[in-house]
Amino acid sequence: MLLLAAAAWLGLLLLVAVLVPYHGTDALVYGTWSERIADLGTLRTPGAGNALLHRPLFYGGQGALWWLFGIHEWIGRLWSYAFMVVLAWAVYRVAGGGRRDALAGALALALLLAIPDVAVQAAAGQTDVPVAALVTLSAALVWTVAPTPWRTAGLVAAVAAAALTKPSAFPALFGLALATLVGSPRDLRSRVLRDTLPIAGGVALALVYHLIQSRYLGQSLYDFVAGATEDPRAVAAVNVAVADTYAEARRTIVVAAQWIGPYVALLALYAVLYAVARVAGLAHRRAAPLAAPVAVVLSWLLPYLGQAGERTVRVGPLEAGQPGATVAFALLLGVLWLFARSRPDRAPDRTLLGRMLVWALPMVAAWVHLNPSETRYLSAAWAPLAALMAVVLAGAVREAARRGPAAAIAVAVLPLLLVALNLRNLDGLGTRPDGTYNAARALADFRFSDLGHPERMRALADPQLAGLLDGARQAAGPDGRLLTNDGRMIFFFVDRVTVRGPQDCADTRGYDAVGLFGNPSVPIVDLRGCPGLELLREVPDSYAVYRAR
């Protein structure tokens, strides 16, 4: 049942990927590189710096597909979707230990689909899901495939591919390599030879590519992988600009335990606390009941402490604006009670718990230190966190089974409810200027006549983007130049666009169109008094398009 539900979810996602064009910011900004690769047949396109060249696998692969079949966004969406399928399969394999515990594998897959960032990024055309997929595929090869020369070659290839997808793969692969050392000392040498060394070999292979490209750009290897700019003054300016943002994020996202979404927050906190207690040496019958009240308190206390501005007690499971999270919290209390009462001989294996913790820790630490402002940057740690939650939920299902099949089914279907609650985040549909999205809004606006019309479908996904794009196309015409503060327009106008927010009328001279976007907290510069410009289209607090007279 869980696998059928996951297959239905993936089927729905496939439909969305085929019918709805790209609308995510990074998909369009970085997708411009894929366009140039398709046109020129090389990764080293004009203006391609380290931010592009250090993530060649996804965007280079997309560019190759567009070179072969033409630049069609649905092809890129299918390329992105393929990585989500790999991630789903690999999470099922890792959490289930191959075929040894199919229940835990199926539960981990369902819990993965209950994470908001997974729903948003699943086929978004960005690198978060691909890097998670390839790191998890590497783990699946390590722990669920018998050692053979082909398995070793596949592991090296999967690790190298992960490291060529996004730099965040490196701490995740480091954690995976450390996790291979967790286990019995008797076969440590064997694990090092068959698991740890191939991981190191894959990383080394990827670093050869990074070294070649860093020399091409005249940078050190570290600066290339880190995406550092060549101008020290620019680096200093960026560091100052983001320091406050990151400090705020560490409080409102990290401390507030918002890093994996509201629906599984309690289960994630409990699973981590329980795993730490077990690895520290506590028996199941002590660790399970000890972790439960701590997780319950922290699920409210951490969001309370992490608030910005005036504090309120209506946070975490009590937050008024998230009734789904409140429902999930209440239902998960029963799961914790059942798991705490489960038999010690059915307790999760300490080696598995230790491996998942060690695998996740470097990625989580790197995310907190480097850029905690976006929870999707934690994607390479999704799999071990889902596996930890799954073993807890599987234990609760088995304990419920002792009370009858109906009780077991009731607990087993709980993840399906969490997945259903998370459907509101599917593909980030129904985006609004304030940054919120709700797929139900897009579905409510959908008409069957929209099918076969990509721009109408884009408007359902993101009305602001679609309106700005349509207006800019009308104003600029087929050959006109566009000035805009929206980097997404590069994908559509390529060499006819300048991305720079105008401050006054003088900044708009020489352009055929000006397209500006904003939101309620970032007002749009008013250019209606500028000579030579007329307002073509405007939605207050969303976008405005001007054209030259």
Protein backbone atom coordinates (compact mmCIF):
# COMPACT_ATOMS: atom_id res chain seq x y z
CA MET A 1 0.00 0.00 0.00
CA LEU A 2 2.79 2.42 0.88
CA LEU A 3 4.65 1.61 -2.32
CA LEU A 4 1.49 2.01 -4.38
CA ALA A 5 0.91 5.42 -2.81
CA ALA A 6 4.50 6.42 -3.57
CA ALA A 7 4.06 5.25 -7.16
CA ALA A 8 0.87 7.33 -7.44
CA TRP A 9 2.75 10.35 -6.07
CA LEU A 10 5.52 9.87 -8.62
CA GLY A 11 2.91 9.46 -11.35
CA LEU A 12 1.28 12.75 -10.40
CA LEU A 13 4.68 14.41 -10.35
CA LEU A 14 5.43 13.05 -13.82
CA LEU A 15 2.22 14.60 -15.12
CA VAL A 16 3.13 17.96 -13.59
CA ALA A 17 6.68 17.77 -14.96
CA VAL A 18 5.46 17.19 -18.50
CA LEU A 19 2.69 19.78 -18.47
CA VAL A 20 4.10 22.64 -16.37
CA PRO A 21 7.23 24.50 -17.59
CA TYR A 22 10.06 25.58 -15.34
CA HIS A 23 9.20 28.24 -12.80
CA GLY A 24 11.86 27.91 -10.08
CA THR A 25 14.46 30.66 -9.93
CA ASP A 26 17.59 28.49 -10.03
CA ALA A 27 16.11 26.25 -12.71
CA LEU A 28 15.82 29.26 -15.02
CA VAL A 29 18.98 31.11 -14.00
CA TYR A 30 21.23 28.06 -14.19
CA GLY A 31 19.17 26.65 -17.04
CA THR A 32 20.52 29.49 -19.18
CA TRP A 33 23.87 27.69 -19.03
CA SER A 34 22.18 24.57 -20.40
CA GLU A 35 20.83 26.68 -23.26
CA ARG A 36 24.31 27.91 -24.10
CA ILE A 37 25.73 24.39 -23.85
CA ALA A 38 23.08 23.24 -26.30
CA ASP A 39 23.98 26.07 -28.69
CA LEU A 40 27.77 25.84 -28.44
CA GLY A 41 28.37 22.18 -27.56
CA THR A 42 30.78 22.92 -24.70
CA LEU A 43 30.67 23.45 -20.94
CA ARG A 44 33.02 26.42 -21.23
CA THR A 45 30.50 28.88 -22.52
CA PRO A 46 31.15 32.64 -22.45
CA GLY A 47 30.81 33.98 -18.93
CA ALA A 48 30.59 30.55 -17.29
CA GLY A 49 32.29 30.96 -13.92
CA ASN A 50 32.82 28.57 -11.04
CA ALA A 51 29.19 28.79 -9.90
CA LEU A 52 28.27 26.98 -13.11
CA LEU A 53 31.34 24.91 -13.90
CA HIS A 54 31.48 23.26 -10.47
CA ARG A 55 28.05 21.65 -11.00
CA PRO A 56 28.29 20.21 -14.53
CA LEU A 57 26.43 16.93 -14.25
CA PHE A 58 22.82 18.10 -14.09
CA TYR A 59 23.03 21.25 -16.20
CA GLY A 60 25.58 19.77 -18.60
CA GLY A 61 23.36 16.72 -19.01
CA GLN A 62 20.36 18.95 -19.62
CA GLY A 63 22.35 20.93 -22.16
CA ALA A 64 23.34 17.71 -23.96
CA LEU A 65 19.70 16.62 -24.12
CA TRP A 66 18.70 20.01 -25.51
CA TRP A 67 21.54 19.82 -28.04
CA LEU A 68 20.18 16.47 -29.23
CA PHE A 69 16.44 17.13 -29.16
CA GLY A 70 16.04 20.90 -29.09
CA ILE A 71 15.54 23.29 -26.20
CA HIS A 72 12.27 22.15 -24.65
CA GLU A 73 11.61 22.73 -20.99
CA TRP A 74 9.67 19.48 -20.59
CA ILE A 75 12.80 17.54 -21.56
CA GLY A 76 14.69 19.24 -18.76
CA ARG A 77 11.81 18.52 -16.39
CA LEU A 78 11.95 14.81 -17.26
CA TRP A 79 15.72 14.83 -16.71
CA SER A 80 15.08 16.33 -13.28
CA TYR A 81 12.28 13.83 -12.59
CA ALA A 82 14.60 10.91 -13.33
CA PHE A 83 16.78 11.88 -10.36
CA MET A 84 13.73 11.90 -8.09
CA VAL A 85 12.98 8.33 -9.15
CA VAL A 86 16.58 7.35 -8.34
CA LEU A 87 16.31 9.05 -4.93
CA ALA A 88 13.05 7.24 -4.14
CA TRP A 89 14.52 3.84 -5.07
CA ALA A 90 17.77 4.45 -3.20
CA VAL A 91 16.03 5.60 0.01
CA TYR A 92 13.85 2.50 -0.09
CA ARG A 93 16.93 0.29 -0.48
CA VAL A 94 19.03 1.99 2.20
CA ALA A 95 16.31 2.15 4.86
CA GLY A 96 15.16 -1.37 4.10
CA GLY A 97 18.65 -2.85 4.12
CA GLY A 98 18.08 -4.15 0.63
CA ARG A 99 15.22 -6.63 0.99
CA ARG A 100 15.70 -7.43 4.68
CA ASP A 101 13.14 -4.92 6.00
CA ALA A 102 10.72 -3.93 3.27
CA LEU A 103 8.44 -2.23 5.81
CA ALA A 104 11.14 0.19 6.97
CA GLY A 105 12.08 0.88 3.35
CA ALA A 106 8.50 1.67 2.36
CA LEU A 107 7.99 3.85 5.43
CA ALA A 108 11.22 5.77 4.73
CA LEU A 109 10.06 6.44 1.18
CA ALA A 110 6.71 7.75 2.41
CA LEU A 111 8.40 9.92 5.06
CA LEU A 112 10.73 11.30 2.40
CA LEU A 113 7.70 12.40 0.38
CA ALA A 114 6.33 14.14 3.49
CA ILE A 115 9.28 16.57 3.58
CA PRO A 116 8.17 19.91 2.05
CA ASP A 117 11.47 20.57 0.24
CA VAL A 118 11.25 17.17 -1.45
CA ALA A 119 7.78 17.98 -2.79
CA VAL A 120 8.91 21.40 -4.02
CA GLN A 121 12.22 20.30 -5.55
CA ALA A 122 11.30 16.84 -6.88
CA ALA A 123 11.30 17.90 -10.55
CA ALA A 124 12.18 21.57 -10.19
CA GLY A 125 15.24 21.57 -12.45
CA GLN A 126 17.63 22.37 -9.61
CA THR A 127 20.51 20.35 -8.17
CA ASP A 128 19.18 19.62 -4.68
CA VAL A 129 17.35 16.40 -5.57
CA PRO A 130 20.03 15.16 -8.02
CA VAL A 131 22.79 15.48 -5.41
CA ALA A 132 20.62 13.75 -2.81
CA ALA A 133 19.81 11.01 -5.32
CA LEU A 134 23.42 10.28 -6.24
CA VAL A 135 24.74 10.38 -2.67
CA THR A 136 21.94 8.02 -1.59
CA LEU A 137 22.58 5.79 -4.60
CA SER A 138 26.19 5.54 -3.42
CA ALA A 139 24.97 4.50 0.03
CA ALA A 140 22.64 1.91 -1.49
CA LEU A 141 25.56 0.39 -3.38
CA VAL A 142 27.64 0.32 -0.19
CA TRP A 143 25.08 -1.34 2.08
CA THR A 144 22.72 -3.32 -0.16
CA VAL A 145 24.81 -4.68 -3.07
CA ALA A 146 27.19 -7.62 -2.72
CA PRO A 147 30.86 -6.78 -3.38
CA THR A 148 31.92 -7.40 -6.97
CA PRO A 149 34.21 -5.56 -9.38
CA TRP A 150 31.09 -4.14 -11.08
CA ARG A 151 29.77 -2.89 -7.75
CA THR A 152 33.10 -1.17 -7.05
CA ALA A 153 33.08 0.51 -10.46
CA GLY A 154 29.48 1.58 -9.97
CA LEU A 155 30.26 3.01 -6.54
CA VAL A 156 33.19 5.04 -7.87
CA ALA A 157 31.01 6.34 -10.72
CA ALA A 158 28.07 7.22 -8.45
CA VAL A 159 30.32 9.07 -5.99
CA ALA A 160 32.07 10.98 -8.78
CA ALA A 161 28.70 11.89 -10.32
CA ALA A 162 27.46 13.18 -6.95
CA ALA A 163 30.58 15.32 -6.52
CA LEU A 164 30.04 16.75 -10.02
CA THR A 165 26.42 17.65 -9.29
CA LYS A 166 26.86 20.16 -6.48
CA PRO A 167 29.63 20.99 -3.99
CA SER A 168 27.34 20.09 -1.08
CA ALA A 169 28.02 16.46 -2.05
CA PHE A 170 31.47 16.64 -0.47
CA PRO A 171 30.44 16.81 3.22
CA ALA A 172 27.73 14.22 2.56
CA LEU A 173 30.23 11.86 0.92
CA PHE A 174 32.65 12.46 3.76
CA GLY A 175 29.94 11.46 6.19
CA LEU A 176 29.16 8.38 4.10
CA ALA A 177 32.82 7.37 4.08
CA LEU A 178 32.96 7.74 7.88
CA ALA A 179 29.75 5.74 8.21
CA THR A 180 31.35 2.80 6.39
CA LEU A 181 33.80 2.58 9.30
CA VAL A 182 30.98 2.08 11.80
CA GLY A 183 30.54 -1.60 12.66
CA SER A 184 32.37 -4.60 13.95
CA PRO A 185 36.16 -4.17 14.24
CA ARG A 186 36.59 -7.71 12.92
CA ASP A 187 35.81 -6.81 9.31
CA LEU A 188 36.98 -3.17 9.42
CA ARG A 189 39.81 -3.80 6.96
CA SER A 190 37.41 -5.43 4.52
CA ARG A 191 34.96 -2.50 4.74
CA VAL A 192 37.75 -0.01 4.16
CA LEU A 193 38.88 -1.84 1.02
CA ARG A 194 35.47 -2.49 -0.50
CA ASP A 195 33.58 0.66 0.66
CA THR A 196 35.72 3.50 1.98
CA LEU A 197 38.43 3.42 -0.68
CA PRO A 198 36.01 3.39 -3.66
CA ILE A 199 34.25 6.41 -2.14
CA ALA A 200 37.60 8.17 -1.86
CA GLY A 201 38.38 7.13 -5.44
CA GLY A 202 35.16 8.63 -6.74
CA VAL A 203 35.82 11.89 -4.92
CA ALA A 204 39.37 11.98 -6.29
CA LEU A 205 38.07 11.39 -9.82
CA ALA A 206 35.66 14.32 -9.50
CA LEU A 207 38.41 16.52 -8.06
CA VAL A 208 40.44 15.96 -11.23
CA TYR A 209 37.66 17.65 -13.18
CA HIS A 210 37.42 20.45 -10.60
CA LEU A 211 41.18 20.96 -10.70
CA ILE A 212 41.21 21.25 -14.49
CA GLN A 213 38.41 23.79 -14.47
CA SER A 214 39.91 25.76 -11.57
CA ARG A 215 43.14 26.15 -13.51
CA TYR A 216 41.16 27.22 -16.56
CA LEU A 217 39.64 30.02 -14.47
CA GLY A 218 42.94 30.80 -12.72
CA GLN A 219 41.61 29.94 -9.26
CA SER A 220 42.68 27.66 -6.47
CA LEU A 221 40.82 24.36 -6.22
CA TYR A 222 39.19 25.44 -2.95
CA ASP A 223 37.98 28.76 -4.35
CA PHE A 224 36.61 27.03 -7.43
CA VAL A 225 34.62 24.46 -5.48
CA ALA A 226 33.46 27.06 -2.94
CA GLY A 227 32.30 29.39 -5.72
CA ALA A 228 34.47 32.27 -4.50
CA THR A 229 34.67 35.36 -6.64
CA GLU A 230 38.05 36.58 -7.82
CA ASP A 231 37.54 40.07 -6.37
CA PRO A 232 38.45 40.15 -2.63
CA ARG A 233 36.43 43.33 -2.14
CA ALA A 234 33.36 41.65 -3.60
CA VAL A 235 33.91 38.68 -1.29
CA ALA A 236 34.08 40.98 1.72
CA ALA A 237 30.94 42.82 0.64
CA VAL A 238 29.03 39.57 0.18
CA ASN A 239 30.19 38.26 3.56
CA VAL A 240 28.95 41.40 5.29
CA ALA A 241 25.67 41.30 3.40
CA VAL A 242 24.86 37.70 4.25
CA ALA A 243 26.27 37.55 7.79
CA ASP A 244 23.10 38.92 9.38
CA THR A 245 20.91 36.80 7.12
CA TYR A 246 22.72 33.61 8.10
CA ALA A 247 22.71 34.54 11.80
CA GLU A 248 18.97 35.10 11.61
CA ALA A 249 18.50 31.79 9.78
CA ARG A 250 20.46 29.91 12.42
CA ARG A 251 17.91 31.09 14.96
CA THR A 252 14.65 30.98 12.97
CA ILE A 253 15.41 27.81 10.99
CA VAL A 254 18.13 25.77 12.74
CA VAL A 255 17.33 26.48 16.39
CA ALA A 256 13.61 26.47 15.61
CA ALA A 257 13.93 22.94 14.17
CA GLN A 258 12.40 23.97 10.85
CA TRP A 259 15.02 22.15 8.79
CA ILE A 260 12.90 19.19 7.74
CA GLY A 261 9.41 20.66 7.68
CA PRO A 262 6.46 20.74 10.09
CA TYR A 263 4.84 17.38 9.32
CA VAL A 264 7.66 15.11 10.49
CA ALA A 265 9.36 17.50 12.94
CA LEU A 266 8.39 15.56 16.08
CA LEU A 267 9.35 12.21 14.57
CA ALA A 268 12.68 13.57 13.33
CA LEU A 269 13.60 15.02 16.73
CA TYR A 270 12.61 11.80 18.48
CA ALA A 271 14.48 9.55 16.03
CA VAL A 272 17.70 11.55 16.38
CA LEU A 273 17.47 11.69 20.19
CA TYR A 274 16.71 7.98 20.39
CA ALA A 275 19.58 7.11 18.04
CA VAL A 276 22.04 9.22 20.03
CA ALA A 277 20.93 7.57 23.28
CA ARG A 278 21.28 4.08 21.80
CA VAL A 279 24.70 4.78 20.33
CA ALA A 280 25.74 6.19 23.72
CA GLY A 281 24.99 2.78 25.22
CA LEU A 282 21.43 2.97 26.57
CA ALA A 283 19.19 -0.03 26.05
CA HIS A 284 16.01 0.36 24.00
CA ARG A 285 13.73 0.19 27.03
CA ARG A 286 15.54 3.18 28.56
CA ALA A 287 16.33 5.19 25.43
CA ALA A 288 12.83 5.06 23.90
CA PRO A 289 10.81 6.42 26.86
CA LEU A 290 13.56 8.91 27.72
CA ALA A 291 13.63 10.42 24.22
CA ALA A 292 9.84 10.79 23.96
CA PRO A 293 9.16 13.59 26.49
CA VAL A 294 12.33 15.41 25.48
CA ALA A 295 11.28 15.37 21.81
CA VAL A 296 7.76 16.52 22.65
CA VAL A 297 9.01 19.46 24.72
CA LEU A 298 11.66 20.42 22.16
CA SER A 299 9.15 20.34 19.31
CA TRP A 300 7.50 23.36 20.94
CA LEU A 301 10.39 24.91 22.88
CA LEU A 302 12.82 25.15 19.95
CA PRO A 303 10.40 27.06 17.67
CA TYR A 304 9.54 29.27 20.63
CA LEU A 305 13.20 30.14 21.28
CA GLY A 306 13.89 30.59 17.58
CA GLN A 307 11.25 33.26 17.00
CA ALA A 308 12.20 36.62 15.57
CA GLY A 309 10.57 39.69 17.06
CA GLU A 310 7.74 39.48 19.57
CA ARG A 311 7.30 35.96 20.87
CA THR A 312 4.11 33.94 21.00
CA VAL A 313 3.33 30.51 22.41
CA ARG A 314 1.45 29.58 19.22
CA VAL A 315 4.47 28.03 17.51
CA GLY A 316 5.56 24.57 16.43
CA PRO A 317 2.69 22.08 16.90
CA LEU A 318 0.51 24.91 18.28
CA GLU A 319 0.98 27.29 15.35
CA ALA A 320 -2.41 28.56 14.22
CA GLY A 321 -1.42 28.82 10.57
CA GLN A 322 -0.37 25.17 10.31
CA PRO A 323 -3.31 22.94 11.27
CA GLY A 324 -1.75 20.07 9.33
CA ALA A 325 1.32 20.19 11.54
CA THR A 326 -0.89 20.10 14.65
CA VAL A 327 -2.72 17.04 13.36
CA ALA A 328 0.56 15.31 12.50
CA PHE A 329 1.95 16.09 15.97
CA ALA A 330 -1.08 14.62 17.72
CA LEU A 331 -1.00 11.42 15.67
CA LEU A 332 2.74 10.97 16.09
CA LEU A 333 2.36 10.97 19.88
CA GLY A 334 0.74 7.58 19.54
CA VAL A 335 3.65 6.38 17.42
CA LEU A 336 6.15 7.36 20.11
CA TRP A 337 4.11 5.56 22.77
CA LEU A 338 3.91 2.38 20.72
CA PHE A 339 7.59 2.42 19.87
CA ALA A 340 8.58 2.91 23.53
CA ARG A 341 6.57 -0.20 24.41
CA SER A 342 8.03 -2.37 21.64
CA ARG A 343 10.01 -5.47 22.58
CA PRO A 344 13.77 -5.07 23.10
CA ASP A 345 14.51 -7.95 20.73
CA ARG A 346 12.85 -5.90 17.94
CA ALA A 347 14.80 -2.73 18.70
CA PRO A 348 16.65 -1.07 15.79
CA ASP A 349 20.21 -2.21 15.28
CA ARG A 350 22.73 0.13 16.93
CA THR A 351 25.08 -0.19 13.99
CA LEU A 352 22.37 1.06 11.61
CA LEU A 353 21.54 3.96 13.93
CA GLY A 354 25.21 4.90 14.25
CA ARG A 355 25.78 4.78 10.52
CA MET A 356 22.82 7.03 9.78
CA LEU A 357 23.91 9.55 12.42
CA VAL A 358 27.51 9.64 11.22
CA TRP A 359 26.41 9.92 7.59
CA ALA A 360 24.10 12.88 8.29
CA LEU A 361 26.28 14.82 10.75
CA PRO A 362 28.90 16.38 8.40
CA MET A 363 26.21 17.50 5.98
CA VAL A 364 24.12 19.07 8.73
CA ALA A 365 27.18 20.79 10.23
CA ALA A 366 28.25 22.16 6.83
CA TRP A 367 24.75 23.45 6.17
CA VAL A 368 24.51 25.21 9.53
CA HIS A 369 27.95 26.77 9.12
CA LEU A 370 27.89 27.74 5.46
CA ASN A 371 24.33 28.65 4.49
CA PRO A 372 21.35 27.73 6.67
CA SER A 373 19.03 30.22 4.97
CA GLU A 374 17.58 27.57 2.62
CA THR A 375 16.46 24.24 4.03
CA ARG A 376 16.76 22.60 0.60
CA TYR A 377 20.54 22.87 0.89
CA LEU A 378 20.27 20.06 3.44
CA SER A 379 19.06 17.67 0.73
CA ALA A 380 22.04 15.31 0.88
CA ALA A 381 21.03 14.47 4.48
CA TRP A 382 17.42 13.61 3.66
CA ALA A 383 18.09 9.90 3.24
CA PRO A 384 19.74 9.16 6.62
CA LEU A 385 17.14 11.27 8.43
CA ALA A 386 14.31 9.44 6.64
CA ALA A 387 15.93 6.11 7.52
CA LEU A 388 16.16 7.04 11.21
CA MET A 389 12.50 8.06 11.28
CA ALA A 390 11.50 4.91 9.41
CA VAL A 391 13.03 2.49 11.90
CA VAL A 392 11.09 4.18 14.69
CA LEU A 393 7.85 4.08 12.74
CA ALA A 394 8.45 0.47 11.71
CA GLY A 395 8.90 -0.47 15.36
CA ALA A 396 5.61 1.23 16.20
CA VAL A 397 3.82 -0.65 13.39
CA ARG A 398 5.15 -3.99 14.64
CA GLU A 399 4.13 -3.20 18.19
CA ALA A 400 0.67 -2.18 16.96
CA ALA A 401 0.42 -5.50 15.13
CA ARG A 402 0.47 -7.24 18.49
CA ARG A 403 -2.83 -5.47 19.19
CA GLY A 404 -4.38 -6.58 15.94
CA PRO A 405 -4.06 -6.01 12.19
CA ALA A 406 -6.35 -2.98 12.27
CA ALA A 407 -4.02 -1.18 14.68
CA ALA A 408 -0.99 -2.02 12.54
CA ILE A 409 -2.68 -0.71 9.41
CA ALA A 410 -3.74 2.48 11.20
CA VAL A 411 -0.14 3.23 12.17
CA ALA A 412 1.29 2.19 8.80
CA VAL A 413 -0.98 4.54 6.87
CA LEU A 414 -0.02 7.53 9.03
CA PRO A 415 2.81 8.49 6.63
CA LEU A 416 0.24 8.56 3.83
CA LEU A 417 -1.66 11.24 5.72
CA LEU A 418 1.57 13.22 6.10
CA VAL A 419 2.21 12.86 2.36
CA ALA A 420 -1.33 14.04 1.63
CA LEU A 421 -0.83 17.10 3.83
CA ASN A 422 2.41 17.80 1.97
CA LEU A 423 0.71 17.77 -1.45
CA ARG A 424 0.09 21.49 -0.98
CA ASN A 425 3.81 21.96 -1.66
CA LEU A 426 3.97 19.80 -4.80
CA ASP A 427 6.35 21.40 -7.31
CA GLY A 428 5.91 24.78 -5.64
CA LEU A 429 2.69 25.29 -7.61
CA GLY A 430 0.54 28.30 -6.86
CA THR A 431 3.44 30.62 -5.98
CA ARG A 432 2.58 34.12 -4.81
CA PRO A 433 4.74 37.28 -4.47
CA ASP A 434 5.06 36.80 -0.71
CA GLY A 435 6.90 33.51 -1.33
CA THR A 436 4.07 31.21 -0.24
CA TYR A 437 2.73 28.48 -2.48
CA ASN A 438 -0.18 26.13 -2.41
CA ALA A 439 -0.86 23.60 -5.14
CA ALA A 440 -4.58 23.75 -4.32
CA ARG A 441 -4.66 27.33 -5.61
CA ALA A 442 -3.18 26.24 -8.92
CA LEU A 443 -5.63 23.35 -9.17
CA ALA A 444 -8.57 25.67 -8.45
CA ASP A 445 -7.52 27.95 -11.32
CA PHE A 446 -6.88 25.10 -13.75
CA ARG A 447 -9.06 24.68 -16.84
CA PHE A 448 -8.81 21.80 -19.30
CA SER A 449 -8.34 24.36 -22.06
CA ASP A 450 -4.98 25.22 -20.45
CA LEU A 451 -3.57 21.84 -21.50
CA GLY A 452 -1.18 22.11 -24.41
CA HIS A 453 -0.47 25.77 -23.62
CA PRO A 454 2.80 25.92 -21.65
CA GLU A 455 2.54 29.60 -20.77
CA ARG A 456 -0.94 29.15 -19.34
CA MET A 457 0.39 26.28 -17.23
CA ARG A 458 3.32 28.45 -16.12
CA ALA A 459 0.78 31.08 -15.06
CA LEU A 460 -0.94 28.51 -12.85
CA ALA A 461 2.37 27.64 -11.23
CA ASP A 462 3.62 31.21 -10.79
CA PRO A 463 1.29 34.02 -11.92
CA GLN A 464 3.90 36.67 -11.11
CA LEU A 465 6.57 35.10 -13.31
CA ALA A 466 4.13 34.42 -16.14
CA GLY A 467 2.70 37.94 -16.06
CA LEU A 468 6.12 39.60 -15.99
CA LEU A 469 7.37 37.36 -18.80
CA ASP A 470 4.35 37.94 -21.01
CA GLY A 471 4.52 41.69 -20.49
CA ALA A 472 8.28 41.80 -21.14
CA ARG A 473 7.85 39.86 -24.37
CA GLN A 474 5.17 42.27 -25.56
CA ALA A 475 7.22 45.31 -24.63
CA ALA A 476 10.58 44.14 -26.01
CA GLY A 477 9.30 42.44 -29.13
CA PRO A 478 11.39 39.83 -30.95
CA ASP A 479 14.63 41.84 -30.97
CA GLY A 480 14.34 44.47 -28.23
CA ARG A 481 16.57 44.76 -25.16
CA LEU A 482 15.17 44.25 -21.67
CA LEU A 483 16.27 45.75 -18.36
CA THR A 484 15.03 43.80 -15.36
CA ASN A 485 15.74 43.04 -11.73
CA ASP A 486 14.56 39.44 -12.19
CA GLY A 487 17.38 37.02 -13.04
CA ARG A 488 14.88 34.48 -14.36
CA MET A 489 14.43 36.58 -17.46
CA ILE A 490 17.92 35.57 -18.65
CA PHE A 491 16.51 32.17 -19.61
CA PHE A 492 13.98 33.72 -21.97
CA PHE A 493 15.91 36.68 -23.38
CA VAL A 494 19.48 35.31 -23.20
CA ASP A 495 21.67 37.95 -24.91
CA ARG A 496 18.98 40.66 -24.94
CA VAL A 497 18.69 41.21 -21.20
CA THR A 498 20.52 43.13 -18.49
CA VAL A 499 19.81 42.11 -14.91
CA ARG A 500 20.12 45.23 -12.81
CA GLY A 501 17.52 47.07 -10.79
CA PRO A 502 17.14 50.66 -12.09
CA GLN A 503 17.37 53.38 -9.48
CA ASP A 504 16.19 56.25 -11.64
CA CYS A 505 15.12 57.15 -15.17
CA ALA A 506 18.70 57.48 -16.43
CA ASP A 507 19.30 53.77 -15.81
CA THR A 508 16.58 52.82 -18.30
CA ARG A 509 18.01 54.61 -21.35
CA GLY A 510 18.90 52.41 -24.28
CA TYR A 511 16.39 49.68 -23.42
CA ASP A 512 13.20 48.77 -25.25
CA ALA A 513 11.50 47.36 -22.18
CA VAL A 514 11.83 47.43 -18.41
CA GLY A 515 10.40 44.59 -16.34
CA LEU A 516 10.44 44.84 -12.55
CA PHE A 517 9.20 42.44 -9.92
CA GLY A 518 8.72 42.93 -6.21
CA ASN A 519 6.65 41.86 -3.24
CA PRO A 520 4.83 43.52 -0.33
CA SER A 521 8.10 43.96 1.59
CA VAL A 522 10.25 45.02 -1.41
CA PRO A 523 8.47 47.84 -3.27
CA ILE A 524 8.89 48.27 -7.02
CA VAL A 525 10.68 51.38 -8.25
CA ASP A 526 8.10 53.73 -9.80
CA LEU A 527 9.21 54.77 -13.31
CA ARG A 528 5.93 56.26 -14.51
CA GLY A 529 7.37 59.74 -14.66
CA CYS A 530 10.30 58.77 -16.87
CA PRO A 531 10.29 60.37 -20.33
CA GLY A 532 10.18 57.84 -23.14
CA LEU A 533 8.59 55.10 -21.03
CA GLU A 534 4.96 54.08 -20.77
CA LEU A 535 3.48 51.62 -18.30
CA LEU A 536 2.30 48.56 -20.21
CA ARG A 537 1.22 46.29 -17.36
CA GLU A 538 1.21 46.43 -13.59
CA VAL A 539 0.07 44.30 -10.67
CA PRO A 540 0.68 46.22 -7.40
CA ASP A 541 3.26 44.60 -5.10
CA SER A 542 4.01 42.01 -7.79
CA TYR A 543 5.41 43.34 -11.08
CA ALA A 544 5.42 46.23 -13.52
CA VAL A 545 6.38 46.34 -17.20
CA TYR A 546 7.28 49.48 -19.16
CA ARG A 547 8.00 49.87 -22.84
CA ALA A 548 9.86 52.56 -24.74
CA ARG A 549 7.64 54.87 -26.74
